Protein backbone atom coordinates (compact mmCIF):
# COMPACT_ATOMS: atom_id res chain seq x y z
CA ARG A 1 27.75 34.10 -13.12
CA ALA A 2 27.43 34.97 -16.82
CA HIS A 3 29.64 32.07 -17.80
CA ALA A 4 28.33 28.57 -18.41
CA LYS A 5 29.73 25.85 -16.17
CA CYS A 6 30.54 22.34 -17.27
CA PHE A 7 30.22 19.51 -14.76
CA ALA A 8 31.54 16.06 -15.60
CA ALA A 9 30.37 13.13 -13.47
CA PRO A 10 32.61 10.09 -13.95
CA ALA A 11 31.20 8.09 -11.08
CA ILE A 12 28.43 7.82 -8.58
CA LEU A 13 29.29 6.91 -5.01
CA GLY A 14 26.01 5.86 -3.38
CA VAL A 15 26.91 5.46 0.28
CA GLY A 16 23.95 5.58 2.62
CA ARG A 17 20.59 7.16 2.25
CA ALA A 18 21.81 10.56 1.28
CA GLY A 19 23.84 9.09 -1.54
CA LEU A 20 26.81 11.03 -2.84
CA GLY A 21 25.32 11.78 -6.23
CA MET A 22 27.68 12.65 -9.07
CA ALA A 23 31.34 13.32 -8.48
CA ALA A 24 31.52 16.81 -9.91
CA VAL A 25 34.49 18.30 -11.73
CA HIS A 26 33.88 21.74 -13.20
CA ARG A 27 35.60 24.29 -15.38
CA VAL A 28 34.48 27.70 -16.60
CA LEU A 29 33.91 28.12 -20.30
CA ARG A 30 34.22 31.45 -22.05
CA PRO A 31 31.01 32.91 -23.45
CA GLY A 32 30.15 32.06 -27.01
CA ARG A 33 27.79 29.76 -28.84
CA GLY A 34 30.59 27.55 -30.21
CA ARG A 35 32.12 27.02 -26.80
CA ARG A 36 28.70 26.29 -25.38
CA LEU A 37 27.98 23.64 -28.01
CA LEU A 38 31.41 22.11 -27.45
CA ALA A 39 30.69 21.95 -23.74
CA GLY A 40 27.45 20.12 -24.44
CA ALA A 41 29.25 17.59 -26.61
CA LEU A 42 32.07 17.03 -24.14
CA CYS A 43 29.97 16.93 -21.00
CA GLY A 44 26.99 14.85 -22.08
CA GLY A 45 24.74 17.87 -22.39
CA ALA A 46 25.40 19.15 -18.86
CA ALA A 47 26.34 22.61 -20.10
CA ALA A 48 23.20 22.79 -22.23
CA GLN A 49 21.14 21.89 -19.17
CA ILE A 50 22.77 24.66 -17.18
CA VAL A 51 22.09 27.16 -19.98
CA TRP A 52 18.47 25.99 -19.97
CA HIS A 53 18.34 26.50 -16.22
CA ARG A 54 19.56 30.08 -16.54
CA ARG A 55 16.90 30.79 -19.19
CA PHE A 56 14.26 29.09 -17.08
CA MET A 57 15.07 31.21 -14.05
CA ALA A 58 14.91 34.40 -16.14
CA ALA A 59 11.77 33.38 -18.02
CA GLU A 60 9.68 33.16 -14.86
CA GLY A 61 9.15 36.89 -14.89
CA LYS A 62 11.88 39.03 -13.44
CA PRO A 63 15.39 38.13 -12.25
CA HIS A 64 15.14 36.71 -8.73
CA THR A 65 16.63 38.53 -5.78
CA TYR A 66 17.11 35.45 -3.61
CA GLU A 67 20.51 34.47 -2.29
CA TYR A 68 20.04 30.84 -3.39
CA ASP A 69 18.04 28.86 -5.89
CA LEU A 70 17.64 26.01 -3.39
CA PHE A 71 18.11 25.81 0.37
CA THR A 72 18.05 22.26 1.77
CA ILE A 73 17.40 21.56 5.44
CA GLY A 74 19.01 18.22 6.27
CA GLY A 75 22.24 16.61 5.09
CA GLY A 76 21.13 13.00 5.03
CA SER A 77 20.04 10.79 2.20
CA ALA A 78 17.59 12.85 0.26
CA GLY A 79 19.07 16.23 1.15
CA VAL A 80 22.61 15.61 -0.05
CA ARG A 81 21.49 13.93 -3.26
CA ALA A 82 19.03 16.71 -4.16
CA SER A 83 21.54 19.44 -3.36
CA ARG A 84 24.45 17.97 -5.29
CA TRP A 85 22.29 16.97 -8.25
CA SER A 86 20.83 20.47 -8.53
CA ALA A 87 24.21 22.17 -8.28
CA ALA A 88 26.27 19.75 -10.38
CA ASN A 89 23.80 19.05 -13.18
CA TYR A 90 21.82 22.27 -13.47
CA GLY A 91 24.10 24.97 -12.10
CA ALA A 92 21.69 25.91 -9.33
CA LYS A 93 23.10 27.90 -6.44
CA VAL A 94 22.49 25.67 -3.43
CA ALA A 95 22.97 25.82 0.33
CA LEU A 96 22.47 23.01 2.82
CA ALA A 97 22.12 23.14 6.61
CA GLU A 98 23.07 20.23 8.85
CA LEU A 99 23.88 19.78 12.53
CA PRO A 100 27.42 19.05 13.78
CA PHE A 101 28.65 15.46 13.41
CA SER A 102 27.99 13.04 16.25
CA LEU A 103 27.66 9.25 16.47
CA VAL A 104 24.47 9.70 18.52
CA SER A 105 21.99 12.27 17.27
CA SER A 106 19.89 14.83 19.10
CA LYS A 107 17.04 16.93 17.82
CA HIS A 108 18.68 20.35 17.91
CA SER A 109 22.43 19.92 18.33
CA ALA A 110 23.87 16.67 16.92
CA GLY A 111 23.62 15.06 13.50
CA GLY A 112 26.15 15.08 10.68
CA LEU A 113 26.44 14.87 6.90
CA GLY A 114 25.35 11.42 5.76
CA GLY A 115 22.42 11.34 8.14
CA THR A 116 20.97 8.31 9.84
CA CYS A 117 21.93 5.76 7.20
CA VAL A 118 25.63 6.54 7.07
CA ILE A 119 26.28 7.48 10.69
CA ARG A 120 23.85 5.49 12.82
CA GLY A 121 21.82 3.26 10.53
CA CYS A 122 22.32 1.22 7.36
CA VAL A 123 26.10 1.37 7.05
CA PRO A 124 27.27 0.76 10.65
CA LYS A 125 24.52 -1.81 11.13
CA LYS A 126 25.71 -3.75 8.08
CA LEU A 127 29.30 -3.60 9.33
CA PHE A 128 28.20 -5.11 12.65
CA ILE A 129 26.24 -7.77 10.79
CA TYR A 130 29.28 -8.82 8.73
CA GLY A 131 31.30 -9.47 11.87
CA SER A 132 28.52 -11.25 13.74
CA HIS A 133 28.58 -14.18 11.26
CA LEU A 134 32.04 -15.39 12.31
CA PRO A 135 30.97 -17.84 15.08
CA GLU A 136 28.58 -19.50 12.62
CA ASP A 137 31.33 -19.63 10.00
CA VAL A 138 33.59 -21.42 12.46
CA LYS A 139 30.88 -23.97 13.23
CA ASP A 140 30.21 -24.49 9.52
CA ALA A 141 33.93 -24.98 8.91
CA MET A 142 34.00 -27.96 11.26
CA GLY A 143 31.30 -29.58 9.11
CA TYR A 144 33.73 -29.28 6.22
CA GLY A 145 36.62 -30.98 7.99
CA TRP A 146 38.40 -28.01 9.52
CA GLN A 147 39.74 -28.70 13.00
CA PHE A 148 40.25 -26.30 15.90
CA PRO A 149 41.79 -26.77 19.33
CA ARG A 150 39.44 -28.52 21.75
CA GLY A 151 37.15 -26.01 23.39
CA PHE A 152 38.05 -23.28 20.89
CA ALA A 153 35.55 -20.46 20.58
CA PRO A 154 36.21 -17.07 18.97
CA THR A 155 35.89 -14.03 21.22
CA VAL A 156 35.17 -10.47 20.16
CA ASP A 157 37.18 -7.41 21.15
CA TRP A 158 34.20 -5.07 21.36
CA PRO A 159 36.15 -1.81 21.81
CA LYS A 160 38.26 -2.69 18.75
CA LEU A 161 35.12 -3.40 16.74
CA LEU A 162 33.56 -0.12 17.85
CA GLU A 163 36.71 1.86 17.05
CA ALA A 164 36.90 0.40 13.53
CA LYS A 165 33.22 1.11 12.88
CA ASN A 166 33.51 4.67 14.19
CA SER A 167 36.56 5.29 12.03
CA GLU A 168 34.73 4.20 8.88
CA VAL A 169 31.63 6.26 9.68
CA THR A 170 33.79 9.33 10.37
CA ARG A 171 35.62 8.80 7.07
CA LEU A 172 32.33 8.69 5.16
CA ASN A 173 31.12 11.85 6.88
CA GLY A 174 34.26 13.61 5.65
CA ILE A 175 33.70 12.33 2.10
CA TYR A 176 30.22 13.82 2.14
CA ARG A 177 31.62 17.22 3.03
CA ASN A 178 34.29 17.01 0.34
CA MET A 179 31.77 16.03 -2.31
CA LEU A 180 29.41 18.86 -1.40
CA ASP A 181 32.32 21.28 -1.49
CA GLY A 182 33.30 19.93 -4.89
CA ALA A 183 29.81 20.63 -6.21
CA LYS A 184 30.00 24.19 -4.83
CA VAL A 185 27.15 23.58 -2.39
CA ASP A 186 27.43 25.94 0.58
CA VAL A 187 27.24 23.93 3.81
CA LEU A 188 26.01 25.67 6.95
CA GLU A 189 26.43 23.91 10.28
CA GLY A 190 23.56 24.56 12.65
CA TYR A 191 19.84 24.14 13.29
CA ALA A 192 17.60 25.57 10.56
CA ARG A 193 14.05 26.89 10.83
CA ILE A 194 11.77 28.23 8.12
CA VAL A 195 10.76 31.86 8.66
CA ASP A 196 8.62 32.41 5.56
CA PRO A 197 8.13 30.63 2.20
CA HIS A 198 11.48 31.90 0.95
CA THR A 199 13.52 32.45 4.13
CA VAL A 200 15.45 30.11 6.43
CA GLU A 201 17.17 31.05 9.68
CA VAL A 202 20.39 29.30 10.73
CA ASN A 203 22.37 30.35 13.80
CA GLY A 204 20.47 33.64 13.92
CA LYS A 205 21.20 34.51 10.29
CA ARG A 206 18.36 34.76 7.78
CA ILE A 207 18.93 33.45 4.26
CA THR A 208 16.60 33.71 1.27
CA SER A 209 16.02 31.08 -1.42
CA LYS A 210 13.69 30.59 -4.36
CA TYR A 211 12.96 27.06 -3.16
CA ILE A 212 13.28 25.37 0.22
CA CYS A 213 13.62 21.59 0.56
CA VAL A 214 12.91 19.86 3.87
CA ALA A 215 14.88 16.61 4.13
CA THR A 216 15.19 16.14 7.88
CA GLY A 217 14.51 12.40 8.01
CA GLY A 218 13.05 10.67 11.04
CA ARG A 219 13.81 10.04 14.69
CA ALA A 220 13.39 6.94 16.85
CA VAL A 221 10.31 6.77 19.05
CA VAL A 222 10.48 5.48 22.65
CA PRO A 223 7.15 4.52 24.28
CA GLN A 224 6.40 6.43 27.44
CA ILE A 225 6.31 3.64 30.00
CA PRO A 226 7.69 3.77 33.54
CA GLY A 227 11.48 3.60 33.40
CA SER A 228 11.87 4.28 29.69
CA ASP A 229 14.22 7.16 30.51
CA LEU A 230 16.60 5.13 32.72
CA PRO A 231 20.29 4.78 31.87
CA GLY A 232 20.79 1.66 29.76
CA VAL A 233 17.57 2.15 27.79
CA LEU A 234 18.51 2.55 24.13
CA THR A 235 17.35 3.32 20.64
CA SER A 236 19.25 2.16 17.56
CA ASP A 237 21.42 5.31 17.84
CA GLU A 238 22.87 4.35 21.21
CA ALA A 239 22.90 0.61 20.46
CA LEU A 240 25.44 1.18 17.69
CA ALA A 241 27.68 3.13 20.05
CA LEU A 242 27.58 0.93 23.16
CA PRO A 243 31.00 0.92 24.83
CA LYS A 244 30.43 -2.63 26.12
CA ARG A 245 28.73 -5.63 24.55
CA PRO A 246 25.62 -6.50 26.59
CA ASP A 247 25.59 -10.00 28.02
CA LYS A 248 21.81 -9.92 27.99
CA ILE A 249 19.55 -7.51 26.09
CA VAL A 250 15.83 -7.01 25.47
CA ILE A 251 14.89 -5.60 22.08
CA VAL A 252 11.33 -4.29 21.91
CA GLY A 253 9.74 -4.21 18.46
CA GLY A 254 8.91 -6.50 15.58
CA GLY A 255 10.04 -4.40 12.62
CA TYR A 256 13.13 -4.78 10.49
CA ILE A 257 15.35 -2.72 12.80
CA ALA A 258 14.43 -4.88 15.79
CA VAL A 259 15.00 -8.11 13.87
CA GLU A 260 18.35 -7.01 12.44
CA PHE A 261 19.72 -5.85 15.80
CA ALA A 262 18.47 -9.01 17.52
CA CYS A 263 20.36 -11.13 14.99
CA PHE A 264 23.69 -9.32 15.18
CA PHE A 265 23.72 -9.02 18.97
CA HIS A 266 22.98 -12.76 19.11
CA GLY A 267 25.84 -13.36 16.68
CA TYR A 268 28.26 -11.53 18.95
CA GLY A 269 27.24 -13.70 21.89
CA SER A 270 24.58 -11.68 23.70
CA GLU A 271 21.52 -13.42 25.10
CA VAL A 272 18.76 -11.73 23.12
CA HIS A 273 15.08 -11.44 24.01
CA LEU A 274 12.93 -10.09 21.17
CA VAL A 275 9.59 -8.72 22.38
CA PHE A 276 6.74 -7.64 20.10
CA ARG A 277 2.95 -7.30 20.33
CA ALA A 278 1.92 -9.23 17.21
CA GLU A 279 1.95 -12.98 16.73
CA GLU A 280 4.57 -12.68 13.98
CA PRO A 281 7.40 -10.19 13.34
CA LEU A 282 7.63 -7.79 10.38
CA ARG A 283 4.13 -6.38 10.07
CA GLY A 284 3.45 -5.40 6.46
CA PHE A 285 5.66 -8.11 4.97
CA ASP A 286 4.32 -11.18 3.19
CA GLU A 287 2.75 -13.62 5.67
CA ASP A 288 4.83 -16.62 4.57
CA VAL A 289 8.00 -14.58 5.07
CA ARG A 290 6.90 -13.53 8.55
CA THR A 291 6.16 -17.05 9.79
CA HIS A 292 9.27 -18.52 8.16
CA LEU A 293 11.64 -15.98 9.72
CA HIS A 294 9.94 -16.39 13.11
CA GLN A 295 10.80 -20.10 13.03
CA LEU A 296 14.40 -19.42 12.05
CA LEU A 297 14.90 -16.84 14.81
CA LYS A 298 13.86 -19.40 17.39
CA ALA A 299 15.99 -22.09 15.76
CA LYS A 300 19.03 -19.83 16.14
CA GLY A 301 18.43 -19.46 19.86
CA ILE A 302 16.93 -15.98 20.01
CA HIS A 303 14.26 -15.82 22.72
CA VAL A 304 11.10 -14.62 20.98
CA HIS A 305 8.28 -13.19 23.11
CA ALA A 306 5.44 -12.82 20.61
CA GLY A 307 2.21 -11.22 21.80
CA HIS A 308 3.94 -9.28 24.59
CA SER A 309 3.77 -5.55 25.29
CA PRO A 310 6.24 -3.66 27.52
CA GLU A 311 4.87 -2.60 30.90
CA SER A 312 7.75 -1.14 32.91
CA ILE A 313 11.51 -0.91 33.40
CA LYS A 314 13.13 -0.59 36.81
CA ASP A 315 16.67 -0.11 38.07
CA ALA A 316 17.72 -3.53 39.36
CA GLY A 317 21.06 -2.33 40.76
CA ARG A 318 24.59 -3.17 39.65
CA ASN A 319 23.94 -1.59 36.23
CA LYS A 320 21.09 -3.98 35.51
CA LEU A 321 17.51 -3.29 34.44
CA LEU A 322 14.35 -5.21 35.33
CA PHE A 323 12.08 -5.35 32.28
CA LYS A 324 8.45 -6.49 32.58
CA THR A 325 5.70 -7.09 30.04
CA LYS A 326 1.96 -6.83 30.52
CA GLN A 327 1.74 -10.56 29.83
CA GLY A 328 3.92 -11.46 32.84
CA ALA A 329 7.43 -11.82 31.46
CA SER A 330 10.14 -10.50 33.79
CA LEU A 331 13.74 -10.20 32.65
CA THR A 332 16.85 -8.79 34.32
CA VAL A 333 19.13 -7.48 31.59
CA ASP A 334 22.00 -5.12 30.82
CA ASN A 335 20.10 -3.07 28.26
CA VAL A 336 16.63 -2.53 26.84
CA MET A 337 16.53 -1.32 23.26
CA PHE A 338 13.36 0.16 21.77
CA ALA A 339 12.92 -0.38 18.04
CA THR A 340 9.26 0.54 18.09
CA GLY A 341 9.22 2.83 15.09
CA ARG A 342 10.50 6.13 13.82
CA LYS A 343 8.64 9.42 13.48
CA PRO A 344 9.15 12.07 10.78
CA ASN A 345 11.45 14.78 12.11
CA SER A 346 9.19 17.72 11.28
CA ALA A 347 8.62 19.38 14.66
CA ASP A 348 10.03 22.83 15.45
CA LEU A 349 10.96 23.66 11.87
CA GLY A 350 8.45 26.47 11.45
CA LEU A 351 6.42 24.49 8.94
CA GLU A 352 2.93 25.06 10.27
CA GLN A 353 3.56 28.76 10.77
CA VAL A 354 4.23 29.25 7.06
CA GLY A 355 1.30 27.11 5.94
CA VAL A 356 2.91 23.71 5.29
CA LYS A 357 0.43 20.94 6.09
CA VAL A 358 1.77 18.36 8.54
CA ASP A 359 -0.07 15.31 9.85
CA ALA A 360 -0.83 16.14 13.48
CA ARG A 361 -0.54 12.54 14.63
CA SER A 362 2.41 11.13 12.72
CA GLY A 363 4.34 14.30 11.91
CA LYS A 364 4.68 13.46 8.21
CA ILE A 365 4.72 16.34 5.76
CA PHE A 366 2.00 16.10 3.14
CA VAL A 367 3.34 16.38 -0.42
CA ASP A 368 1.94 15.98 -3.90
CA GLU A 369 3.22 13.57 -6.56
CA TYR A 370 6.18 15.89 -7.25
CA SER A 371 7.16 16.25 -3.56
CA LYS A 372 5.72 19.76 -3.30
CA THR A 373 4.11 20.71 0.01
CA SER A 374 1.02 22.88 0.42
CA VAL A 375 3.33 25.90 -0.02
CA ASP A 376 4.47 26.24 -3.64
CA SER A 377 8.08 27.16 -2.85
CA ILE A 378 8.63 24.44 -0.22
CA TYR A 379 9.31 20.80 -1.05
CA ALA A 380 9.89 17.77 1.18
CA ILE A 381 11.63 14.46 0.41
CA GLY A 382 12.84 11.37 2.21
CA ASP A 383 11.63 9.91 5.49
CA VAL A 384 10.09 13.16 6.70
CA THR A 385 7.28 12.52 4.18
CA ASP A 386 6.80 8.92 5.39
CA ARG A 387 6.12 7.57 1.90
CA MET A 388 8.58 4.69 1.58
CA ASN A 389 11.35 4.95 4.13
CA LEU A 390 14.32 3.41 2.33
CA THR A 391 17.69 4.90 1.46
CA PRO A 392 17.55 4.36 -2.32
CA VAL A 393 14.00 5.73 -2.40
CA ALA A 394 15.18 8.90 -0.68
CA LEU A 395 17.88 9.25 -3.33
CA MET A 396 15.33 8.78 -6.09
CA GLU A 397 13.03 11.40 -4.57
CA GLY A 398 15.92 13.85 -4.39
CA VAL A 399 16.80 13.41 -8.05
CA ALA A 400 13.16 13.63 -9.13
CA MET A 401 12.68 16.89 -7.23
CA SER A 402 15.85 18.34 -8.74
CA LYS A 403 14.71 17.47 -12.27
CA THR A 404 11.32 19.01 -11.58
CA LEU A 405 12.71 22.28 -10.20
CA PHE A 406 15.76 22.81 -12.38
CA GLY A 407 15.83 20.24 -15.18
CA GLY A 408 12.78 21.32 -17.10
CA VAL A 409 11.13 17.90 -16.73
CA LYS A 410 8.42 17.37 -14.12
CA THR A 411 9.41 14.04 -12.61
CA ARG A 412 7.45 11.88 -10.19
CA PRO A 413 9.34 9.49 -7.89
CA ASP A 414 8.22 5.95 -8.72
CA HIS A 415 7.50 3.87 -5.63
CA ASP A 416 6.36 0.71 -7.46
CA ASN A 417 8.46 -2.46 -7.55
CA VAL A 418 11.15 -1.15 -5.22
CA PRO A 419 13.40 -4.05 -4.16
CA SER A 420 14.36 -4.11 -0.50
CA ALA A 421 16.17 -6.29 2.00
CA VAL A 422 16.02 -7.00 5.72
CA PHE A 423 19.46 -8.00 6.97
CA SER A 424 18.26 -10.58 9.42
CA GLN A 425 20.18 -13.83 9.62
CA PRO A 426 19.37 -15.25 7.13
CA PRO A 427 18.31 -12.09 5.28
CA ILE A 428 15.05 -11.31 3.51
CA GLY A 429 14.67 -10.02 -0.03
CA SER A 430 11.40 -8.65 -1.34
CA CYS A 431 10.08 -6.80 -4.38
CA GLY A 432 6.54 -6.00 -5.41
CA LEU A 433 3.35 -6.84 -3.56
CA THR A 434 2.51 -9.27 -0.79
CA GLU A 435 0.18 -12.15 -1.67
CA ALA A 436 -2.84 -10.43 -0.12
CA ASP A 437 -2.18 -7.03 -1.69
CA ALA A 438 -1.47 -8.56 -5.09
CA ALA A 439 -4.72 -10.53 -5.04
CA VAL A 440 -6.72 -7.43 -4.17
CA LYS A 441 -5.03 -5.27 -6.82
CA TYR A 442 -5.13 -7.76 -9.71
CA GLY A 443 -8.16 -9.86 -8.75
CA SER A 444 -6.35 -13.19 -8.57
CA VAL A 445 -2.74 -14.40 -8.29
CA ASP A 446 -1.08 -17.77 -8.63
CA VAL A 447 1.31 -18.55 -5.80
CA TYR A 448 4.52 -20.55 -6.25
CA ILE A 449 6.50 -21.54 -3.16
CA SER A 450 9.73 -23.47 -2.67
CA LYS A 451 11.29 -24.42 0.67
CA PHE A 452 14.54 -26.33 0.95
CA LYS A 453 17.77 -26.84 2.84
CA PRO A 454 20.54 -24.92 1.02
CA LEU A 455 23.33 -27.01 -0.49
CA LYS A 456 25.91 -25.60 1.91
CA HIS A 457 24.08 -27.15 4.86
CA THR A 458 23.63 -30.59 3.35
CA MET A 459 27.08 -31.07 4.82
CA PRO A 460 27.15 -31.71 8.61
CA THR A 461 27.22 -28.08 9.78
CA GLY A 462 24.41 -28.74 12.24
CA ARG A 463 22.69 -25.53 11.14
CA GLY A 464 20.39 -26.63 8.34
CA ASP A 465 17.28 -25.81 10.38
CA GLN A 466 18.62 -22.28 10.97
CA GLU A 467 19.22 -21.51 7.28
CA HIS A 468 16.18 -23.14 5.65
CA VAL A 469 15.31 -21.28 2.43
CA LEU A 470 11.92 -19.86 1.46
CA MET A 471 11.25 -18.55 -2.06
CA LYS A 472 7.86 -17.28 -3.16
CA LEU A 473 6.68 -15.93 -6.51
CA LEU A 474 3.33 -14.30 -7.31
CA ALA A 475 1.95 -14.09 -10.87
CA VAL A 476 -1.37 -12.69 -12.09
CA SER A 477 -3.80 -15.54 -12.84
CA ASP A 478 -5.08 -16.37 -16.33
CA GLY A 479 -8.27 -14.57 -17.24
CA PHE A 480 -7.28 -11.34 -15.47
CA ALA A 481 -5.67 -8.20 -16.81
CA GLU A 482 -1.88 -8.54 -17.15
CA ALA A 483 -2.12 -12.34 -16.79
CA GLY A 484 1.23 -13.99 -16.16
CA ARG A 485 2.98 -10.86 -14.99
CA VAL A 486 5.17 -11.42 -11.92
CA VAL A 487 3.93 -8.97 -9.29
CA GLY A 488 5.73 -10.17 -6.16
CA VAL A 489 8.89 -12.04 -5.19
CA HIS A 490 9.84 -12.80 -1.61
CA MET A 491 12.63 -14.86 -0.12
CA VAL A 492 14.39 -15.75 3.11
CA ALA A 493 17.85 -17.00 2.17
CA ALA A 494 21.55 -16.27 2.35
CA ASP A 495 22.40 -13.45 -0.08
CA ALA A 496 18.71 -12.59 -0.54
CA GLY A 497 19.59 -8.90 -0.76
CA GLU A 498 21.94 -9.57 -3.65
CA MET A 499 19.41 -11.72 -5.48
CA VAL A 500 16.48 -9.36 -5.18
CA GLN A 501 18.30 -6.49 -6.88
CA GLY A 502 18.34 -8.38 -10.17
CA LEU A 503 14.77 -9.56 -9.71
CA GLY A 504 13.72 -5.95 -9.20
CA ILE A 505 15.13 -5.03 -12.62
CA ALA A 506 13.21 -7.89 -14.24
CA MET A 507 9.97 -6.87 -12.56
CA ARG A 508 10.32 -3.24 -13.60
CA ALA A 509 10.78 -4.50 -17.17
CA GLY A 510 7.43 -6.34 -16.88
CA ALA A 511 8.74 -9.90 -16.60
CA THR A 512 6.19 -12.69 -16.71
CA LYS A 513 6.18 -16.17 -15.22
CA ALA A 514 6.96 -17.46 -18.72
CA HIS A 515 10.11 -15.31 -18.76
CA PHE A 516 11.23 -16.83 -15.45
CA ASP A 517 10.42 -20.37 -16.66
CA GLY A 518 12.26 -19.81 -19.93
CA THR A 519 15.45 -18.58 -18.26
CA VAL A 520 18.26 -21.08 -17.76
CA GLY A 521 19.28 -21.25 -14.10
CA VAL A 522 22.81 -21.06 -12.73
CA HIS A 523 23.65 -24.42 -11.15
CA PRO A 524 24.20 -25.17 -8.36
CA THR A 525 22.78 -22.06 -6.66
CA SER A 526 19.74 -21.19 -4.63
CA ALA A 527 18.93 -18.49 -7.19
CA GLU A 528 18.22 -21.06 -9.90
CA GLU A 529 15.05 -21.98 -8.01
CA TRP A 530 13.43 -18.85 -9.46
CA CYS A 531 13.64 -20.53 -12.86
CA THR A 532 12.36 -23.95 -11.80
CA MET A 533 9.20 -23.28 -9.76
CA ARG A 534 6.62 -25.00 -11.98
CA THR A 535 4.04 -26.33 -9.50
CA LYS A 536 1.47 -23.83 -8.29
CA ALA A 537 0.92 -23.95 -4.53
CA ARG A 538 -2.44 -22.16 -4.61
CA THR A 539 -4.45 -19.39 -6.20
CA THR A 540 -5.56 -16.47 -4.06
CA THR A 541 -8.37 -14.16 -5.13
CA ALA A 542 -9.47 -10.73 -3.99
CA ALA A 543 -12.65 -12.32 -2.63
CA HIS A 544 -10.60 -14.66 -0.41
CA VAL A 545 -8.56 -11.79 0.97
CA ASN A 546 -11.48 -9.46 1.57
CA SER A 547 -13.41 -12.21 3.32
CA ALA A 548 -10.45 -13.00 5.59
CA ARG A 549 -9.94 -9.33 6.41
CA ALA A 550 -13.63 -8.89 7.23
CA ARG A 551 -13.34 -11.62 9.88
CA LEU A 552 -10.49 -9.84 11.69
């Protein structure tokens, strides 16, 4: 322990919400100032940071008697990143507790390194989405002159698809374990509870740590209606592990999970009924995006039941379910999937007993700007804090916490201008504020909108109405502070997720509408439209928005 350790990080493998952090390779250096300086030169200062950490730990008063510097509860997005970053970059002694691996999670007994995103969320969902495009690709091909045997239609081998997806998810879970081992993070398999501000209990064993990090993510919520516990009723966990493709499925919910699952099940040939209470899907997204996607979902053939709330589910016999809404819809289906939200996974962790403040209604853990809870030695990051529930944000929060605790630099996670995507078909890309929020924050915004049929579908694919593009840019109006600054971009278009990443960089750099206008577009692409939107569609002011909201 007296020796300095050098950690080199040649690559970052960011797979899923936990992220894999830095690939750590370490060697022990002999004591001595010269060797220490050489280590700093060779390892980008990593050794110097570790030396600082040792001094920091000693300078706090007396040498600690804890078994660990950091104990992390949860091996998903935020937890793995924070643990590996602290161990690899700052030499902290770290332990992490996670439940045994399983494709379908349970509160106390099944989870796995990688967490929701890698095992039963972002990654497997995206794999399913890739494959679900094939029938559309075949149809598009015929518009480009390709010929197939009369009556040809591709069919999916669902068990083969499921096996391939499960194999990849299992492989990633193993990589997570190997990377944690490589960073010398001690991994404990079991359910963890907090006993006191510096003690965690796992499998009956009590372990002490200077700091405790809660990174337990969230869990799907199923409304308590009659029949919601019947076999065949699913959350996203079970939907990604179904042994048989449903011929007909109801998906309840209007958020991004509901929309994404509706699109890929439809792509694989299921008859999909999307049920949500609002008039438009995707509450919280820009209004033009919501209405545009709604139109495209219907154009694709997804049955949209807007303004409907679930009432009951009954066993209809022969492995079928009878689903009814309060508005009178009645559907006999193979499965009902609830995508009606996720709740922070904070219950039964011992938080309240040690003084950590938790929202009684939502379950989110209250934290300050540095992710510290109401107990000085306990931090919380990721979805369990319900700040911005996105994989890359969880990674950012993990790194920021690590820098704050062990890097000597108090670091706030920055939740502004975070680019994001919804992998509907076509997908959505978004960064910055909605039109309404931007107008309220800045006083007035100019709105630029472009809608068009993408070049690919000017050929006779027959799907132009299903792939119609929407692009929308918001810039602060003249006469207001930060005039011209681009404060929101939103799109519904093929490859929107790829486009918005670059736009996010520009927005974080403070790009203005003049910067967009002065950039030469790449032709012919949809992306060049960002550089050619010259005609203002409208100006929206804070007064307009506040007046409209007052009438609701």
